[in-house]
Amino acid sequence: MSYINAGDTVMLSDMNWKDAVTLASPYPYLLVTSRDAKNVPNAMGLGWWSFTSMTPPLLVISIGKGRYTLECIRHTKDFVACFPGKDIAKESWSCGVLSGRDGDKLEKLGLKTIDSKKVKSPIIDGSCVAFECVVTDEMETGDHILFVGEIVAMHGDVEKPQHLYSVFYSKLVCLDNEGNRNFFLEFK
């Protein structure tokens, strides 16, 4: 094991990918919605995303190659980034485990959708904030595809400021917009 030293104090040690990404956690956990070619709504749990521009407002998401959601977003050319609230935590986590390719997972999980105002993809009921996005660019980055989405509509519930954060896809915590923790769920 090698170290980065600062004088006589050991500051950092080498780490493997999983340990380093876990240490950098938590990450805001999203449900990214889309629709398939039969117009069936789909949602995927996602932690790899970022705002990239204010003018125009842009958001980027990273989807693994071979994921059903990738096919759906390429079909609709839009998506909605939903920040799920604490009331739908278990169902939201399951969206990251189940595949929409095997059937309507939203129906199976009891998640309800709301029609978006400007895109085909739906909003998940129970989200504290949602960003409707139109895909403006797509690029390959190793084993993932980045979709850049221009935010064309934003919706939120100021009475529900709490949303979910993932600790490297092993547990969820719920924080509000001031950093107050509400609960902790661990999944194995």
Protein backbone atom coordinates (compact mmCIF):
# COMPACT_ATOMS: atom_id res chain seq x y z
CA MET A 1 0.00 0.00 0.00
CA SER A 2 1.36 3.44 -0.87
CA TYR A 3 0.63 6.71 0.84
CA ILE A 4 0.57 10.41 0.08
CA ASN A 5 2.56 12.09 2.85
CA ALA A 6 2.43 15.62 4.20
CA GLY A 7 5.56 15.88 6.30
CA ASP A 8 5.39 13.22 9.03
CA THR A 9 1.60 12.83 8.77
CA VAL A 10 0.02 10.18 6.51
CA MET A 11 -2.81 11.93 4.68
CA LEU A 12 -4.22 9.50 2.11
CA SER A 13 -3.73 5.85 1.21
CA ASP A 14 -4.38 4.08 -2.08
CA MET A 15 -7.89 2.64 -2.41
CA ASN A 16 -9.81 0.43 -4.79
CA TRP A 17 -12.73 1.79 -6.82
CA LYS A 18 -15.54 0.54 -4.53
CA ASP A 19 -13.92 1.83 -1.33
CA ALA A 20 -13.08 5.23 -2.84
CA VAL A 21 -16.56 5.77 -4.32
CA THR A 22 -18.18 4.63 -1.06
CA LEU A 23 -16.01 7.06 0.91
CA ALA A 24 -17.09 9.88 -1.43
CA SER A 25 -20.77 9.06 -0.70
CA PRO A 26 -23.58 9.92 -0.30
CA TYR A 27 -24.87 10.82 -3.76
CA PRO A 28 -28.34 12.22 -4.47
CA TYR A 29 -30.44 9.25 -5.61
CA LEU A 30 -32.74 9.90 -8.57
CA LEU A 31 -35.45 8.05 -10.34
CA VAL A 32 -34.95 8.73 -14.02
CA THR A 33 -38.18 8.15 -15.92
CA SER A 34 -38.73 7.35 -19.56
CA ARG A 35 -41.21 5.46 -21.76
CA ASP A 36 -40.64 2.43 -23.92
CA ALA A 37 -41.75 1.92 -27.53
CA LYS A 38 -45.16 0.69 -26.28
CA ASN A 39 -45.57 3.89 -24.18
CA VAL A 40 -45.14 1.96 -20.89
CA PRO A 41 -43.54 4.20 -18.25
CA ASN A 42 -40.19 3.14 -16.81
CA ALA A 43 -38.02 4.36 -13.94
CA MET A 44 -34.43 3.60 -13.03
CA GLY A 45 -32.62 4.33 -9.77
CA LEU A 46 -29.56 6.45 -10.48
CA GLY A 47 -26.77 8.13 -8.56
CA TRP A 48 -24.50 9.30 -11.38
CA TRP A 49 -25.79 12.69 -12.53
CA SER A 50 -24.91 16.38 -12.33
CA PHE A 51 -26.10 19.84 -13.26
CA THR A 52 -23.76 21.09 -15.99
CA SER A 53 -25.04 24.54 -16.99
CA MET A 54 -27.33 27.31 -15.76
CA THR A 55 -27.78 29.02 -19.14
CA PRO A 56 -29.26 27.01 -20.70
CA PRO A 57 -30.17 24.81 -17.72
CA LEU A 58 -28.59 21.41 -18.40
CA LEU A 59 -28.42 18.17 -16.45
CA VAL A 60 -26.39 15.06 -17.35
CA ILE A 61 -27.16 11.45 -16.40
CA SER A 62 -24.97 8.37 -16.83
CA ILE A 63 -26.63 5.09 -17.87
CA GLY A 64 -24.84 1.75 -18.15
CA LYS A 65 -24.71 0.15 -21.58
CA GLY A 66 -27.27 -2.61 -21.96
CA ARG A 67 -29.74 -1.04 -19.53
CA TYR A 68 -33.37 -0.98 -20.57
CA THR A 69 -33.60 2.70 -19.61
CA LEU A 70 -30.96 3.47 -22.24
CA GLU A 71 -33.25 2.05 -24.94
CA CYS A 72 -36.24 3.96 -23.56
CA ILE A 73 -34.45 7.34 -23.45
CA ARG A 74 -33.17 6.83 -26.96
CA HIS A 75 -36.77 6.14 -28.00
CA THR A 76 -38.41 9.17 -26.34
CA LYS A 77 -35.41 11.53 -26.58
CA ASP A 78 -36.38 12.87 -23.16
CA PHE A 79 -36.36 11.90 -19.48
CA VAL A 80 -37.44 13.25 -16.11
CA ALA A 81 -35.01 13.39 -13.18
CA CYS A 82 -37.17 12.81 -10.10
CA PHE A 83 -35.84 13.19 -6.56
CA PRO A 84 -37.92 10.64 -4.65
CA GLY A 85 -39.18 11.54 -1.19
CA LYS A 86 -38.93 9.42 1.95
CA ASP A 87 -42.48 8.05 1.56
CA ILE A 88 -41.45 6.07 -1.53
CA ALA A 89 -37.92 5.08 -0.42
CA LYS A 90 -38.31 1.29 -0.63
CA GLU A 91 -40.11 1.43 -3.96
CA SER A 92 -37.48 3.85 -5.30
CA TRP A 93 -34.68 1.52 -4.27
CA SER A 94 -36.44 -1.37 -6.01
CA CYS A 95 -36.46 0.66 -9.25
CA GLY A 96 -32.68 0.37 -9.21
CA VAL A 97 -32.85 -3.42 -8.78
CA LEU A 98 -35.70 -4.52 -11.06
CA SER A 99 -35.65 -4.17 -14.85
CA GLY A 100 -38.49 -2.64 -16.83
CA ARG A 101 -37.57 -5.07 -19.59
CA ASP A 102 -39.26 -7.78 -17.49
CA GLY A 103 -42.58 -5.90 -17.19
CA ASP A 104 -44.10 -2.72 -15.79
CA LYS A 105 -42.09 -2.32 -12.61
CA LEU A 106 -43.89 0.90 -11.62
CA GLU A 107 -47.18 -0.97 -11.54
CA LYS A 108 -45.56 -3.90 -9.72
CA LEU A 109 -44.13 -1.56 -7.07
CA GLY A 110 -47.30 0.53 -6.73
CA LEU A 111 -45.61 3.74 -7.87
CA LYS A 112 -47.94 6.28 -9.45
CA THR A 113 -47.01 8.68 -12.22
CA ILE A 114 -48.07 12.21 -13.11
CA ASP A 115 -48.10 13.46 -16.69
CA SER A 116 -45.26 15.85 -17.41
CA LYS A 117 -46.04 19.24 -18.93
CA LYS A 118 -43.42 19.32 -21.72
CA VAL A 119 -41.98 15.81 -22.23
CA LYS A 120 -43.38 12.32 -22.83
CA SER A 121 -41.68 10.75 -19.80
CA PRO A 122 -43.74 10.90 -16.58
CA ILE A 123 -43.05 12.32 -13.12
CA ILE A 124 -43.06 9.94 -10.17
CA ASP A 125 -45.74 10.88 -7.64
CA GLY A 126 -44.05 11.32 -4.25
CA SER A 127 -41.01 13.12 -5.64
CA CYS A 128 -39.96 16.29 -3.86
CA VAL A 129 -38.60 17.84 -7.06
CA ALA A 130 -38.60 16.83 -10.73
CA PHE A 131 -36.76 18.16 -13.78
CA GLU A 132 -38.26 17.52 -17.21
CA CYS A 133 -35.42 17.18 -19.73
CA VAL A 134 -35.11 16.99 -23.51
CA VAL A 135 -32.00 15.12 -24.68
CA THR A 136 -29.60 17.48 -26.46
CA ASP A 137 -26.53 15.26 -26.61
CA GLU A 138 -25.36 11.71 -26.01
CA MET A 139 -21.80 10.48 -25.59
CA GLU A 140 -20.04 7.24 -24.75
CA THR A 141 -17.84 7.21 -21.65
CA GLY A 142 -16.35 3.76 -21.13
CA ASP A 143 -19.08 1.34 -20.04
CA HIS A 144 -21.72 4.09 -19.71
CA ILE A 145 -23.59 6.54 -21.96
CA LEU A 146 -24.04 10.16 -20.88
CA PHE A 147 -27.27 11.91 -21.80
CA VAL A 148 -27.26 15.69 -21.61
CA GLY A 149 -30.75 16.99 -21.02
CA GLU A 150 -31.96 20.55 -21.33
CA ILE A 151 -34.30 21.24 -18.43
CA VAL A 152 -37.55 22.47 -19.97
CA ALA A 153 -39.75 22.37 -16.84
CA MET A 154 -39.19 22.09 -13.08
CA HIS A 155 -41.67 21.06 -10.38
CA GLY A 156 -41.35 20.73 -6.62
CA ASP A 157 -43.10 20.47 -3.27
CA VAL A 158 -41.58 22.88 -0.73
CA GLU A 159 -43.49 21.05 2.02
CA LYS A 160 -41.44 17.91 1.26
CA PRO A 161 -37.80 19.03 1.10
CA GLN A 162 -36.45 15.59 2.03
CA HIS A 163 -35.05 13.31 -0.63
CA LEU A 164 -32.88 10.23 -0.87
CA TYR A 165 -29.12 9.80 -1.05
CA SER A 166 -27.30 6.57 -1.95
CA VAL A 167 -24.21 5.31 -0.20
CA PHE A 168 -22.71 3.51 -3.22
CA TYR A 169 -25.87 1.51 -3.95
CA SER A 170 -25.90 -0.32 -0.62
CA LYS A 171 -27.99 1.97 1.58
CA LEU A 172 -30.20 5.05 1.43
CA VAL A 173 -30.32 8.03 3.73
CA CYS A 174 -32.93 10.76 3.66
CA LEU A 175 -31.75 14.35 4.02
CA ASP A 176 -33.59 17.61 3.71
CA ASN A 177 -32.29 20.63 1.82
CA GLU A 178 -30.57 21.87 5.00
CA GLY A 179 -28.67 18.61 5.62
CA ASN A 180 -30.88 17.20 8.38
CA ARG A 181 -31.02 13.39 8.30
CA ASN A 182 -34.45 11.81 8.63
CA PHE A 183 -33.80 8.08 8.27
CA PHE A 184 -31.37 5.44 7.14
CA LEU A 185 -32.24 2.28 5.17
CA GLU A 186 -29.72 -0.46 4.45
CA PHE A 187 -30.29 -2.93 1.62
CA LYS A 188 -28.41 -6.17 1.08
